[in-house]
Amino acid sequence: MVEITLEDIGKKYNNDWIFANLSCTIAPNCHTAILGANGSGKSTLLQVIMSSIIPTTGSITYTFHGSRVLFQNVFRLMSVCAPYIELIEEFTLEEMINFHRRLKPLIRNISAKEVALICNLENNYTKHIKNFSSGMKQRVRLALSILSETPILLLDEPTSNLDQEGIIWYNEMITQHQKNRIIIVSSNSVDHEFSFCSQKIILENYKKIPEWSSHVI
C-alpha cells in the first residue's frame, strides 16, 4: 500500500502565497478532491504532490509498503492525466498507446487494441492523434493514466472536453479501477469529476494573509 503525507505545505511565487499551512494524509481508497476557483492553485498543488514542483515550505513523504520512497523515484508510482500533458500528435492511436506502454506498464498487460476498444476508439486505431477531436484526445489521456499499473492516479480537470457520454464513460472507468489506489482529482467543483472522493482539500482554506494587511487599520 502507498501513502502520501503533506506536512505544513506551502507554495509561494515571488511575494504571493498560492497556499500555505496545508497538512493532510492521503491513503488508498480515501480518494481526495482538490477544490477551488480558477487560479486558486489546484494544479500547482497537484504538481507539488507529483514532485514536479518543490514546495516553498513544508515536506512531503511517500511510503510504499511501509518503506519511504526516494523523491527521485516517486514518478514510478504515479500516472497523470492533465491538460498540460500533451499526446504526441504525429503518432497514430496504436503508436501512442504502445509508446506509453514502454513507459508505464498497463494493468493485466492489456494490448493496444484492448485500450482502443475500452476508449470506444477501435475504429480510429490507425488514425493520427492530430486528427482526433478534443474529446477523443481526452479519452486517450484518461485511459492511459487510469489503466496504468500505478498505485497513485492524479487527475487534473478530468472531464474537460468530454460530452455527457464521455462523462458517463469516465465515471465507469473510475468505478472499475479505483480499488487499492490513491486517486487525487483537481476540479473546479464539478461534482461529477470527484463524486467518489471521500476527502476534500478546499484551497480557499489555505490562503495566507499578506503581511502588509496586518498593518492596515
N, C-alpha and C. Protein backbone atom coordinates (compact mmCIF):
# COMPACT_ATOMS: atom_id res chain seq x y z
N MET A 1 0.84 -1.20 0.00
CA MET A 1 0.00 0.00 0.00
C MET A 1 0.88 1.26 0.00
N VAL A 2 0.34 2.30 -0.58
CA VAL A 2 1.07 3.56 -0.69
C VAL A 2 0.36 4.62 0.16
N GLU A 3 1.13 5.58 0.65
CA GLU A 3 0.56 6.67 1.45
C GLU A 3 1.36 7.94 1.19
N ILE A 4 0.66 9.07 1.13
CA ILE A 4 1.29 10.38 0.94
C ILE A 4 0.96 11.24 2.15
N THR A 5 1.98 11.84 2.74
CA THR A 5 1.78 12.71 3.89
C THR A 5 2.31 14.11 3.58
N LEU A 6 1.41 15.10 3.65
CA LEU A 6 1.78 16.50 3.47
C LEU A 6 1.88 17.15 4.84
N GLU A 7 3.02 17.78 5.11
CA GLU A 7 3.24 18.42 6.41
C GLU A 7 3.54 19.89 6.23
N ASP A 8 2.56 20.73 6.57
CA ASP A 8 2.71 22.18 6.56
C ASP A 8 3.19 22.69 5.19
N ILE A 9 2.58 22.17 4.14
CA ILE A 9 2.99 22.52 2.78
C ILE A 9 2.54 23.94 2.43
N GLY A 10 3.43 24.67 1.77
CA GLY A 10 3.10 25.99 1.25
C GLY A 10 3.87 26.25 -0.03
N LYS A 11 3.28 27.04 -0.92
CA LYS A 11 3.97 27.41 -2.16
C LYS A 11 3.79 28.89 -2.41
N LYS A 12 4.94 29.55 -2.65
CA LYS A 12 4.93 31.00 -2.88
C LYS A 12 5.63 31.31 -4.20
N TYR A 13 5.03 32.19 -5.00
CA TYR A 13 5.68 32.71 -6.20
C TYR A 13 5.91 34.20 -5.99
N ASN A 14 7.17 34.61 -6.11
CA ASN A 14 7.55 35.98 -5.78
C ASN A 14 7.12 36.27 -4.34
N ASN A 15 6.23 37.22 -4.14
CA ASN A 15 5.78 37.53 -2.79
C ASN A 15 4.37 37.03 -2.50
N ASP A 16 3.82 36.26 -3.42
CA ASP A 16 2.43 35.82 -3.27
C ASP A 16 2.37 34.35 -2.89
N TRP A 17 1.67 34.07 -1.79
CA TRP A 17 1.44 32.69 -1.37
C TRP A 17 0.25 32.12 -2.14
N ILE A 18 0.47 31.00 -2.81
CA ILE A 18 -0.62 30.33 -3.52
C ILE A 18 -1.48 29.57 -2.51
N PHE A 19 -0.80 28.87 -1.60
CA PHE A 19 -1.46 28.21 -0.46
C PHE A 19 -0.38 28.04 0.61
N ALA A 20 -0.84 27.80 1.84
CA ALA A 20 0.11 27.68 2.96
C ALA A 20 -0.51 26.86 4.08
N ASN A 21 0.37 26.30 4.93
CA ASN A 21 -0.05 25.58 6.14
C ASN A 21 -1.01 24.43 5.85
N LEU A 22 -0.70 23.68 4.80
CA LEU A 22 -1.57 22.58 4.39
C LEU A 22 -0.97 21.26 4.85
N SER A 23 -1.69 20.57 5.70
CA SER A 23 -1.25 19.26 6.19
C SER A 23 -2.38 18.25 6.04
N CYS A 24 -2.06 17.08 5.53
CA CYS A 24 -3.03 16.00 5.45
C CYS A 24 -2.34 14.70 5.07
N THR A 25 -3.03 13.60 5.30
CA THR A 25 -2.54 12.29 4.88
C THR A 25 -3.49 11.74 3.84
N ILE A 26 -2.92 11.24 2.75
CA ILE A 26 -3.71 10.68 1.65
C ILE A 26 -3.38 9.20 1.55
N ALA A 27 -4.40 8.38 1.78
CA ALA A 27 -4.21 6.92 1.82
C ALA A 27 -5.05 6.26 0.75
N PRO A 28 -4.74 5.00 0.39
CA PRO A 28 -5.54 4.29 -0.61
C PRO A 28 -7.00 4.17 -0.19
N ASN A 29 -7.88 4.25 -1.19
CA ASN A 29 -9.33 4.11 -1.02
C ASN A 29 -9.96 5.28 -0.28
N CYS A 30 -9.14 6.26 0.15
CA CYS A 30 -9.67 7.50 0.69
C CYS A 30 -9.36 8.57 -0.35
N HIS A 31 -10.12 8.54 -1.44
CA HIS A 31 -9.79 9.37 -2.59
C HIS A 31 -10.03 10.84 -2.27
N THR A 32 -9.21 11.70 -2.88
CA THR A 32 -9.14 13.10 -2.47
C THR A 32 -9.41 14.04 -3.63
N ALA A 33 -10.25 15.05 -3.38
CA ALA A 33 -10.53 16.09 -4.36
C ALA A 33 -9.86 17.39 -3.91
N ILE A 34 -9.14 18.02 -4.82
CA ILE A 34 -8.58 19.35 -4.59
C ILE A 34 -9.51 20.34 -5.27
N LEU A 35 -10.15 21.20 -4.47
CA LEU A 35 -11.21 22.06 -4.99
C LEU A 35 -10.85 23.53 -4.84
N GLY A 36 -11.36 24.33 -5.75
CA GLY A 36 -11.13 25.77 -5.69
C GLY A 36 -11.46 26.43 -7.01
N ALA A 37 -11.53 27.75 -6.99
CA ALA A 37 -11.85 28.51 -8.20
C ALA A 37 -10.64 28.52 -9.13
N ASN A 38 -10.85 28.99 -10.36
CA ASN A 38 -9.73 29.15 -11.29
C ASN A 38 -8.67 30.05 -10.66
N GLY A 39 -7.42 29.64 -10.78
CA GLY A 39 -6.33 30.44 -10.24
C GLY A 39 -6.08 30.26 -8.76
N SER A 40 -6.79 29.33 -8.12
CA SER A 40 -6.63 29.15 -6.67
C SER A 40 -5.41 28.30 -6.31
N GLY A 41 -4.80 27.63 -7.30
CA GLY A 41 -3.60 26.85 -7.03
C GLY A 41 -3.79 25.35 -7.08
N LYS A 42 -4.91 24.90 -7.64
CA LYS A 42 -5.19 23.46 -7.68
C LYS A 42 -4.12 22.69 -8.46
N SER A 43 -3.83 23.16 -9.66
CA SER A 43 -2.83 22.48 -10.48
C SER A 43 -1.45 22.57 -9.85
N THR A 44 -1.17 23.69 -9.19
CA THR A 44 0.12 23.84 -8.51
C THR A 44 0.27 22.81 -7.41
N LEU A 45 -0.78 22.64 -6.60
CA LEU A 45 -0.72 21.65 -5.53
C LEU A 45 -0.57 20.25 -6.10
N LEU A 46 -1.30 19.96 -7.18
CA LEU A 46 -1.19 18.64 -7.80
C LEU A 46 0.24 18.39 -8.28
N GLN A 47 0.88 19.41 -8.85
CA GLN A 47 2.25 19.25 -9.32
C GLN A 47 3.24 19.14 -8.16
N VAL A 48 2.93 19.77 -7.04
CA VAL A 48 3.74 19.58 -5.83
C VAL A 48 3.63 18.12 -5.38
N ILE A 49 2.41 17.60 -5.37
CA ILE A 49 2.20 16.21 -4.95
C ILE A 49 2.92 15.24 -5.89
N MET A 50 2.93 15.54 -7.20
CA MET A 50 3.59 14.64 -8.14
C MET A 50 5.10 14.86 -8.19
N SER A 51 5.60 15.77 -7.34
CA SER A 51 7.03 16.05 -7.16
C SER A 51 7.67 16.76 -8.34
N SER A 52 6.87 17.38 -9.21
CA SER A 52 7.45 18.15 -10.31
C SER A 52 7.69 19.61 -9.91
N ILE A 53 7.09 20.04 -8.79
CA ILE A 53 7.34 21.37 -8.22
C ILE A 53 7.72 21.18 -6.76
N ILE A 54 8.76 21.90 -6.33
CA ILE A 54 9.21 21.81 -4.95
C ILE A 54 8.45 22.83 -4.11
N PRO A 55 7.86 22.43 -2.98
CA PRO A 55 7.14 23.41 -2.14
C PRO A 55 8.09 24.41 -1.52
N THR A 56 7.57 25.60 -1.24
CA THR A 56 8.38 26.63 -0.57
C THR A 56 8.60 26.28 0.89
N THR A 57 7.57 25.76 1.53
CA THR A 57 7.66 25.34 2.93
C THR A 57 7.07 23.95 3.08
N GLY A 58 7.45 23.30 4.17
CA GLY A 58 6.87 22.00 4.48
C GLY A 58 7.55 20.86 3.75
N SER A 59 7.00 19.68 3.90
CA SER A 59 7.61 18.48 3.31
C SER A 59 6.53 17.48 2.91
N ILE A 60 6.89 16.61 1.97
CA ILE A 60 6.01 15.53 1.52
C ILE A 60 6.75 14.22 1.73
N THR A 61 6.05 13.25 2.30
CA THR A 61 6.61 11.92 2.48
C THR A 61 5.76 10.91 1.73
N TYR A 62 6.43 10.05 0.97
CA TYR A 62 5.76 8.98 0.23
C TYR A 62 6.25 7.65 0.81
N THR A 63 5.31 6.79 1.15
CA THR A 63 5.70 5.45 1.61
C THR A 63 4.99 4.41 0.76
N PHE A 64 5.69 3.32 0.50
CA PHE A 64 5.16 2.22 -0.32
C PHE A 64 5.45 0.92 0.41
N HIS A 65 4.37 0.23 0.81
CA HIS A 65 4.50 -0.99 1.62
C HIS A 65 5.36 -0.74 2.86
N GLY A 66 5.15 0.44 3.47
CA GLY A 66 5.81 0.77 4.73
C GLY A 66 7.20 1.35 4.60
N SER A 67 7.76 1.39 3.39
CA SER A 67 9.11 1.93 3.19
C SER A 67 9.04 3.29 2.52
N ARG A 68 9.89 4.19 2.95
CA ARG A 68 9.91 5.53 2.37
C ARG A 68 10.45 5.50 0.94
N VAL A 69 9.80 6.23 0.04
CA VAL A 69 10.20 6.28 -1.36
C VAL A 69 11.07 7.52 -1.58
N LEU A 70 12.21 7.34 -2.22
CA LEU A 70 13.08 8.47 -2.53
C LEU A 70 12.38 9.42 -3.49
N PHE A 71 12.62 10.71 -3.29
CA PHE A 71 11.97 11.76 -4.07
C PHE A 71 12.11 11.51 -5.57
N GLN A 72 13.30 11.10 -6.01
CA GLN A 72 13.55 10.93 -7.44
C GLN A 72 12.87 9.70 -8.03
N ASN A 73 12.31 8.85 -7.17
CA ASN A 73 11.64 7.64 -7.66
C ASN A 73 10.13 7.70 -7.58
N VAL A 74 9.61 8.82 -7.09
CA VAL A 74 8.17 8.94 -6.87
C VAL A 74 7.39 8.78 -8.17
N PHE A 75 7.95 9.28 -9.27
CA PHE A 75 7.22 9.24 -10.55
C PHE A 75 6.87 7.81 -10.97
N ARG A 76 7.63 6.85 -10.50
CA ARG A 76 7.36 5.46 -10.87
C ARG A 76 6.03 4.95 -10.30
N LEU A 77 5.56 5.61 -9.24
CA LEU A 77 4.33 5.19 -8.59
C LEU A 77 3.09 5.85 -9.17
N MET A 78 3.29 6.82 -10.06
CA MET A 78 2.19 7.70 -10.45
C MET A 78 1.86 7.61 -11.94
N SER A 79 0.58 7.79 -12.24
CA SER A 79 0.15 8.11 -13.60
C SER A 79 -0.69 9.38 -13.52
N VAL A 80 -0.60 10.19 -14.57
CA VAL A 80 -1.16 11.54 -14.53
C VAL A 80 -1.96 11.82 -15.78
N CYS A 81 -3.12 12.45 -15.60
CA CYS A 81 -3.89 13.00 -16.73
C CYS A 81 -4.12 14.48 -16.44
N ALA A 82 -3.57 15.34 -17.30
CA ALA A 82 -3.69 16.78 -17.08
C ALA A 82 -3.66 17.50 -18.42
N PRO A 83 -4.29 18.68 -18.50
CA PRO A 83 -4.31 19.43 -19.77
C PRO A 83 -2.93 19.78 -20.29
N TYR A 84 -1.95 19.94 -19.38
CA TYR A 84 -0.61 20.34 -19.79
C TYR A 84 0.27 19.15 -20.19
N ILE A 85 -0.27 17.94 -20.15
CA ILE A 85 0.45 16.77 -20.63
C ILE A 85 -0.08 16.43 -22.02
N GLU A 86 0.73 16.67 -23.03
CA GLU A 86 0.28 16.54 -24.41
C GLU A 86 0.50 15.12 -24.95
N LEU A 87 -0.39 14.69 -25.81
CA LEU A 87 -0.19 13.49 -26.59
C LEU A 87 0.73 13.82 -27.77
N ILE A 88 1.38 12.81 -28.31
CA ILE A 88 2.26 13.02 -29.46
C ILE A 88 1.40 12.95 -30.72
N GLU A 89 1.13 14.08 -31.30
CA GLU A 89 0.11 14.17 -32.34
C GLU A 89 0.53 13.51 -33.65
N GLU A 90 1.83 13.33 -33.84
CA GLU A 90 2.30 12.67 -35.06
C GLU A 90 2.10 11.16 -35.01
N PHE A 91 1.82 10.62 -33.82
CA PHE A 91 1.59 9.18 -33.67
C PHE A 91 0.16 8.82 -34.04
N THR A 92 -0.01 7.59 -34.52
CA THR A 92 -1.35 7.03 -34.60
C THR A 92 -1.77 6.61 -33.19
N LEU A 93 -3.04 6.28 -33.01
CA LEU A 93 -3.50 5.82 -31.70
C LEU A 93 -2.73 4.58 -31.28
N GLU A 94 -2.53 3.65 -32.22
CA GLU A 94 -1.77 2.44 -31.91
C GLU A 94 -0.36 2.79 -31.43
N GLU A 95 0.31 3.69 -32.13
CA GLU A 95 1.68 4.08 -31.76
C GLU A 95 1.70 4.79 -30.42
N MET A 96 0.70 5.63 -30.15
CA MET A 96 0.65 6.38 -28.89
C MET A 96 0.51 5.42 -27.71
N ILE A 97 -0.38 4.45 -27.84
CA ILE A 97 -0.60 3.50 -26.74
C ILE A 97 0.64 2.66 -26.52
N ASN A 98 1.26 2.17 -27.59
CA ASN A 98 2.45 1.33 -27.44
C ASN A 98 3.64 2.12 -26.89
N PHE A 99 3.74 3.40 -27.25
CA PHE A 99 4.78 4.26 -26.68
C PHE A 99 4.57 4.39 -25.18
N HIS A 100 3.33 4.63 -24.77
CA HIS A 100 3.02 4.76 -23.35
C HIS A 100 3.33 3.46 -22.60
N ARG A 101 3.01 2.33 -23.21
CA ARG A 101 3.23 1.04 -22.56
C ARG A 101 4.70 0.79 -22.25
N ARG A 102 5.58 1.39 -23.04
CA ARG A 102 7.02 1.24 -22.76
C ARG A 102 7.46 2.07 -21.56
N LEU A 103 6.67 3.11 -21.24
CA LEU A 103 6.98 3.97 -20.10
C LEU A 103 6.28 3.52 -18.82
N LYS A 104 5.03 3.13 -18.96
CA LYS A 104 4.23 2.70 -17.82
C LYS A 104 3.50 1.41 -18.19
N PRO A 105 3.76 0.31 -17.51
CA PRO A 105 3.03 -0.92 -17.80
C PRO A 105 1.53 -0.73 -17.55
N LEU A 106 0.72 -1.37 -18.37
CA LEU A 106 -0.72 -1.30 -18.21
C LEU A 106 -1.22 -2.50 -17.42
N ILE A 107 -2.36 -2.34 -16.76
CA ILE A 107 -2.92 -3.42 -15.95
C ILE A 107 -3.14 -4.66 -16.81
N ARG A 108 -2.84 -5.80 -16.25
CA ARG A 108 -3.00 -7.09 -16.92
C ARG A 108 -2.25 -7.15 -18.25
N ASN A 109 -1.32 -6.20 -18.45
CA ASN A 109 -0.54 -6.15 -19.69
C ASN A 109 -1.45 -6.13 -20.92
N ILE A 110 -2.55 -5.38 -20.82
CA ILE A 110 -3.51 -5.35 -21.92
C ILE A 110 -2.88 -4.75 -23.17
N SER A 111 -3.38 -5.16 -24.32
CA SER A 111 -2.81 -4.75 -25.61
C SER A 111 -3.30 -3.37 -26.01
N ALA A 112 -2.63 -2.81 -27.01
CA ALA A 112 -3.05 -1.51 -27.54
C ALA A 112 -4.46 -1.58 -28.11
N LYS A 113 -4.77 -2.69 -28.76
CA LYS A 113 -6.12 -2.83 -29.34
C LYS A 113 -7.19 -2.87 -28.25
N GLU A 114 -6.87 -3.50 -27.10
CA GLU A 114 -7.83 -3.52 -25.99
C GLU A 114 -8.06 -2.13 -25.45
N VAL A 115 -6.99 -1.33 -25.35
CA VAL A 115 -7.13 0.04 -24.86
C VAL A 115 -8.01 0.84 -25.81
N ALA A 116 -7.77 0.70 -27.10
CA ALA A 116 -8.60 1.40 -28.10
C ALA A 116 -10.07 1.01 -27.96
N LEU A 117 -10.31 -0.26 -27.71
CA LEU A 117 -11.68 -0.75 -27.54
C LEU A 117 -12.31 -0.15 -26.29
N ILE A 118 -11.55 -0.10 -25.20
CA ILE A 118 -12.03 0.49 -23.94
C ILE A 118 -12.39 1.97 -24.14
N CYS A 119 -11.61 2.66 -24.97
CA CYS A 119 -11.86 4.08 -25.25
C CYS A 119 -13.01 4.29 -26.23
N ASN A 120 -13.55 3.20 -26.78
CA ASN A 120 -14.54 3.29 -27.85
C ASN A 120 -13.96 3.97 -29.09
N LEU A 121 -12.66 3.73 -29.32
CA LEU A 121 -11.96 4.34 -30.45
C LEU A 121 -11.34 3.28 -31.36
N GLU A 122 -11.89 2.08 -31.32
CA GLU A 122 -11.31 0.99 -32.11
C GLU A 122 -11.35 1.28 -33.61
N ASN A 123 -12.28 2.10 -34.06
CA ASN A 123 -12.35 2.44 -35.48
C ASN A 123 -11.34 3.51 -35.87
N ASN A 124 -10.62 4.03 -34.89
CA ASN A 124 -9.62 5.08 -35.13
C ASN A 124 -8.21 4.60 -34.78
N TYR A 125 -8.04 3.30 -34.76
CA TYR A 125 -6.80 2.68 -34.29
C TYR A 125 -5.58 3.13 -35.08
N THR A 126 -5.71 3.31 -36.38
CA THR A 126 -4.57 3.71 -37.21
C THR A 126 -4.63 5.19 -37.61
N LYS A 127 -5.53 5.92 -36.98
CA LYS A 127 -5.68 7.35 -37.26
C LYS A 127 -4.68 8.14 -36.43
N HIS A 128 -4.13 9.23 -37.00
CA HIS A 128 -3.17 10.05 -36.27
C HIS A 128 -3.88 10.89 -35.20
N ILE A 129 -3.22 11.02 -34.06
CA ILE A 129 -3.78 11.76 -32.93
C ILE A 129 -4.13 13.20 -33.33
N LYS A 130 -3.34 13.79 -34.23
CA LYS A 130 -3.60 15.18 -34.62
C LYS A 130 -4.97 15.36 -35.27
N ASN A 131 -5.54 14.26 -35.75
CA ASN A 131 -6.86 14.32 -36.39
C ASN A 131 -8.00 13.97 -35.44
N PHE A 132 -7.68 13.76 -34.17
CA PHE A 132 -8.71 13.46 -33.17
C PHE A 132 -9.37 14.76 -32.69
N SER A 133 -10.61 14.66 -32.29
CA SER A 133 -11.29 15.78 -31.63
C SER A 133 -10.73 15.93 -30.21
N SER A 134 -11.04 17.05 -29.57
CA SER A 134 -10.55 17.28 -28.21
C SER A 134 -11.12 16.24 -27.25
N GLY A 135 -12.36 15.82 -27.46
CA GLY A 135 -12.96 14.80 -26.61
C GLY A 135 -12.30 13.44 -26.78
N MET A 136 -11.95 13.09 -28.02
CA MET A 136 -11.26 11.83 -28.28
C MET A 136 -9.88 11.82 -27.62
N LYS A 137 -9.17 12.94 -27.72
CA LYS A 137 -7.85 13.04 -27.09
C LYS A 137 -7.96 12.88 -25.58
N GLN A 138 -9.01 13.47 -25.00
CA GLN A 138 -9.17 13.37 -23.55
C GLN A 138 -9.47 11.94 -23.12
N ARG A 139 -10.23 11.21 -23.91
CA ARG A 139 -10.46 9.79 -23.62
C ARG A 139 -9.14 9.02 -23.62
N VAL A 140 -8.28 9.32 -24.59
CA VAL A 140 -6.98 8.63 -24.66
C VAL A 140 -6.15 8.97 -23.43
N ARG A 141 -6.07 10.26 -23.08
CA ARG A 141 -5.31 10.66 -21.89
C ARG A 141 -5.81 9.93 -20.64
N LEU A 142 -7.12 9.93 -20.47
CA LEU A 142 -7.71 9.30 -19.28
C LEU A 142 -7.46 7.80 -19.27
N ALA A 143 -7.65 7.15 -20.40
CA ALA A 143 -7.46 5.70 -20.44
C ALA A 143 -6.03 5.32 -20.13
N LEU A 144 -5.06 6.04 -20.71
CA LEU A 144 -3.66 5.70 -20.48
C LEU A 144 -3.26 5.89 -19.02
N SER A 145 -3.83 6.89 -18.37
CA SER A 145 -3.50 7.12 -16.96
C SER A 145 -4.23 6.13 -16.05
N ILE A 146 -5.53 5.95 -16.26
CA ILE A 146 -6.33 5.08 -15.40
C ILE A 146 -5.90 3.62 -15.54
N LEU A 147 -5.55 3.21 -16.75
CA LEU A 147 -5.20 1.82 -17.00
C LEU A 147 -3.74 1.50 -16.71
N SER A 148 -2.94 2.50 -16.37
CA SER A 148 -1.56 2.25 -15.98
C SER A 148 -1.51 1.51 -14.65
N GLU A 149 -0.56 0.62 -14.53
CA GLU A 149 -0.45 -0.17 -13.31
C GLU A 149 0.34 0.60 -12.26
N THR A 150 -0.30 1.63 -11.72
CA THR A 150 0.32 2.50 -10.73
C THR A 150 -0.60 2.63 -9.51
N PRO A 151 -0.02 2.74 -8.31
CA PRO A 151 -0.85 2.87 -7.12
C PRO A 151 -1.37 4.28 -6.86
N ILE A 152 -0.85 5.27 -7.62
CA ILE A 152 -1.30 6.66 -7.46
C ILE A 152 -1.77 7.18 -8.81
N LEU A 153 -2.98 7.73 -8.83
CA LEU A 153 -3.56 8.29 -10.05
C LEU A 153 -3.91 9.75 -9.79
N LEU A 154 -3.35 10.66 -10.59
CA LEU A 154 -3.58 12.09 -10.43
C LEU A 154 -4.33 12.61 -11.65
N LEU A 155 -5.46 13.27 -11.41
CA LEU A 155 -6.33 13.73 -12.48
C LEU A 155 -6.60 15.23 -12.32
N ASP A 156 -6.24 16.01 -13.33
CA ASP A 156 -6.46 17.45 -13.31
C ASP A 156 -7.59 17.79 -14.27
N GLU A 157 -8.74 18.21 -13.72
CA GLU A 157 -9.94 18.54 -14.51
C GLU A 157 -10.21 17.44 -15.55
N PRO A 158 -10.46 16.23 -15.08
CA PRO A 158 -10.51 15.07 -15.98
C PRO A 158 -11.64 15.06 -17.00
N THR A 159 -12.75 15.76 -16.75
CA THR A 159 -13.85 15.70 -17.72
C THR A 159 -13.86 16.89 -18.67
N SER A 160 -12.80 17.70 -18.66
CA SER A 160 -12.74 18.80 -19.62
C SER A 160 -12.74 18.22 -21.03
N ASN A 161 -13.52 18.82 -21.91
CA ASN A 161 -13.67 18.41 -23.32
C ASN A 161 -14.51 17.15 -23.51
N LEU A 162 -15.05 16.57 -22.44
CA LEU A 162 -15.90 15.39 -22.59
C LEU A 162 -17.37 15.79 -22.67
N ASP A 163 -18.11 15.12 -23.57
CA ASP A 163 -19.55 15.31 -23.62
C ASP A 163 -20.21 14.42 -22.56
N GLN A 164 -21.53 14.41 -22.51
CA GLN A 164 -22.23 13.65 -21.47
C GLN A 164 -21.90 12.17 -21.54
N GLU A 165 -21.81 11.63 -22.74
CA GLU A 165 -21.45 10.23 -22.91
C GLU A 165 -20.04 9.96 -22.38
N GLY A 166 -19.14 10.92 -22.64
CA GLY A 166 -17.77 10.79 -22.16
C GLY A 166 -17.68 10.86 -20.64
N ILE A 167 -18.51 11.69 -20.02
CA ILE A 167 -18.54 11.81 -18.56
C ILE A 167 -19.01 10.50 -17.94
N ILE A 168 -20.03 9.89 -18.53
CA ILE A 168 -20.50 8.59 -18.05
C ILE A 168 -19.39 7.54 -18.16
N TRP A 169 -18.69 7.56 -19.30
CA TRP A 169 -17.56 6.63 -19.52
C TRP A 169 -16.49 6.84 -18.46
N TYR A 170 -16.15 8.09 -18.19
CA TYR A 170 -15.14 8.41 -17.17
C TYR A 170 -15.53 7.84 -15.81
N ASN A 171 -16.76 8.04 -15.41
CA ASN A 171 -17.20 7.54 -14.11
C ASN A 171 -17.20 6.02 -14.04
N GLU A 172 -17.53 5.38 -15.14
CA GLU A 172 -17.47 3.91 -15.18
C GLU A 172 -16.02 3.43 -15.07
N MET A 173 -15.10 4.13 -15.73
CA MET A 173 -13.68 3.77 -15.64
C MET A 173 -13.17 3.91 -14.21
N ILE A 174 -13.54 5.00 -13.55
CA ILE A 174 -13.10 5.21 -12.18
C ILE A 174 -13.67 4.14 -11.26
N THR A 175 -14.94 3.82 -11.43
CA THR A 175 -15.57 2.79 -10.61
C THR A 175 -14.85 1.46 -10.74
N GLN A 176 -14.43 1.13 -11.94
CA GLN A 176 -13.78 -0.15 -12.20
C GLN A 176 -12.34 -0.20 -11.71
N HIS A 177 -11.67 0.97 -11.62
CA HIS A 177 -10.22 0.96 -11.40
C HIS A 177 -9.77 1.81 -10.22
N GLN A 178 -10.62 1.98 -9.21
CA GLN A 178 -10.25 2.83 -8.08
C GLN A 178 -9.76 2.05 -6.87
N LYS A 179 -9.99 0.75 -6.84
CA LYS A 179 -9.69 -0.03 -5.64
C LYS A 179 -8.18 -0.10 -5.37
N ASN A 180 -7.83 0.05 -4.08
CA ASN A 180 -6.45 -0.07 -3.61
C ASN A 180 -5.50 0.93 -4.26
N ARG A 181 -6.04 2.08 -4.66
CA ARG A 181 -5.21 3.15 -5.23
C ARG A 181 -5.47 4.44 -4.47
N ILE A 182 -4.52 5.34 -4.58
CA ILE A 182 -4.77 6.73 -4.24
C ILE A 182 -5.19 7.44 -5.51
N ILE A 183 -6.34 8.09 -5.47
CA ILE A 183 -6.77 8.92 -6.60
C ILE A 183 -6.96 10.34 -6.09
N ILE A 184 -6.30 11.29 -6.75
CA ILE A 184 -6.42 12.70 -6.40
C ILE A 184 -6.93 13.45 -7.62
N VAL A 185 -8.04 14.17 -7.44
CA VAL A 185 -8.69 14.88 -8.54
C VAL A 185 -8.67 16.37 -8.26
N SER A 186 -8.12 17.14 -9.19
CA SER A 186 -8.20 18.60 -9.13
C SER A 186 -9.40 19.04 -9.96
N SER A 187 -10.30 19.82 -9.35
CA SER A 187 -11.55 20.14 -10.04
C SER A 187 -12.04 21.53 -9.69
N ASN A 188 -12.74 22.15 -10.66
CA ASN A 188 -13.41 23.43 -10.43
C ASN A 188 -14.78 23.20 -9.81
N SER A 189 -14.83 22.30 -8.83
CA SER A 189 -16.07 22.00 -8.12
C SER A 189 -17.16 21.45 -9.05
N VAL A 190 -16.75 20.68 -10.06
CA VAL A 190 -17.70 19.98 -10.93
C VAL A 190 -17.92 18.61 -10.31
N ASP A 191 -19.08 18.41 -9.69
CA ASP A 191 -19.29 17.25 -8.82
C ASP A 191 -19.05 15.91 -9.51
N HIS A 192 -19.42 15.81 -10.80
CA HIS A 192 -19.28 14.50 -11.44
C HIS A 192 -17.82 14.09 -11.62
N GLU A 193 -16.88 15.02 -11.42
CA GLU A 193 -15.46 14.67 -11.52
C GLU A 193 -14.95 13.99 -10.26
N PHE A 194 -15.56 14.27 -9.11
CA PHE A 194 -14.99 13.80 -7.84
C PHE A 194 -16.04 13.22 -6.89
N SER A 195 -17.17 12.78 -7.41
CA SER A 195 -18.24 12.27 -6.55
C SER A 195 -17.81 11.06 -5.73
N PHE A 196 -16.78 10.36 -6.17
CA PHE A 196 -16.28 9.17 -5.47
C PHE A 196 -15.27 9.52 -4.38
N CYS A 197 -14.92 10.79 -4.25
CA CYS A 197 -13.89 11.21 -3.28
C CYS A 197 -14.50 11.40 -1.89
N SER A 198 -13.84 10.85 -0.88
CA SER A 198 -14.32 10.98 0.50
C SER A 198 -13.59 12.09 1.26
N GLN A 199 -12.48 12.59 0.70
CA GLN A 199 -11.70 13.64 1.35
C GLN A 199 -11.58 14.82 0.40
N LYS A 200 -11.73 16.02 0.93
CA LYS A 200 -11.66 17.22 0.11
C LYS A 200 -10.65 18.21 0.69
N ILE A 201 -9.83 18.78 -0.19
CA ILE A 201 -8.92 19.87 0.18
C ILE A 201 -9.45 21.12 -0.52
N ILE A 202 -10.02 22.04 0.24
CA ILE A 202 -10.59 23.27 -0.32
C ILE A 202 -9.53 24.37 -0.17
N LEU A 203 -8.95 24.78 -1.29
CA LEU A 203 -7.77 25.63 -1.24
C LEU A 203 -8.04 27.01 -0.64
N GLU A 204 -9.28 27.47 -0.71
CA GLU A 204 -9.59 28.75 -0.07
C GLU A 204 -9.34 28.72 1.44
N ASN A 205 -9.28 27.52 2.02
CA ASN A 205 -9.00 27.39 3.45
C ASN A 205 -7.51 27.46 3.78
N TYR A 206 -6.67 27.56 2.74
CA TYR A 206 -5.22 27.53 2.96
C TYR A 206 -4.54 28.74 2.32
N LYS A 207 -5.22 29.87 2.39
CA LYS A 207 -4.67 31.11 1.86
C LYS A 207 -4.00 31.89 2.99
N LYS A 208 -2.77 32.30 2.74
CA LYS A 208 -2.02 33.05 3.75
C LYS A 208 -2.33 34.54 3.62
N ILE A 209 -2.61 35.18 4.74
CA ILE A 209 -2.90 36.62 4.72
C ILE A 209 -1.61 37.38 4.46
N PRO A 210 -1.59 38.27 3.47
CA PRO A 210 -0.37 39.05 3.19
C PRO A 210 0.10 39.82 4.42
N GLU A 211 1.42 39.88 4.59
CA GLU A 211 1.98 40.55 5.78
C GLU A 211 1.56 42.00 5.87
N TRP A 212 1.46 42.67 4.71
CA TRP A 212 1.13 44.10 4.74
C TRP A 212 -0.26 44.33 5.29
N SER A 213 -1.17 43.32 5.17
CA SER A 213 -2.56 43.55 5.58
C SER A 213 -2.69 43.70 7.10
N SER A 214 -1.74 43.16 7.84
CA SER A 214 -1.81 43.26 9.30
C SER A 214 -1.54 44.68 9.79
N HIS A 215 -0.99 45.49 8.88
CA HIS A 215 -0.68 46.89 9.26
C HIS A 215 -1.78 47.85 8.82
N VAL A 216 -2.79 47.29 8.12
CA VAL A 216 -3.87 48.16 7.65
C VAL A 216 -4.85 48.40 8.79
N ILE A 217 -5.21 49.63 9.01
CA ILE A 217 -6.16 49.98 10.09
C ILE A 217 -7.54 50.19 9.49
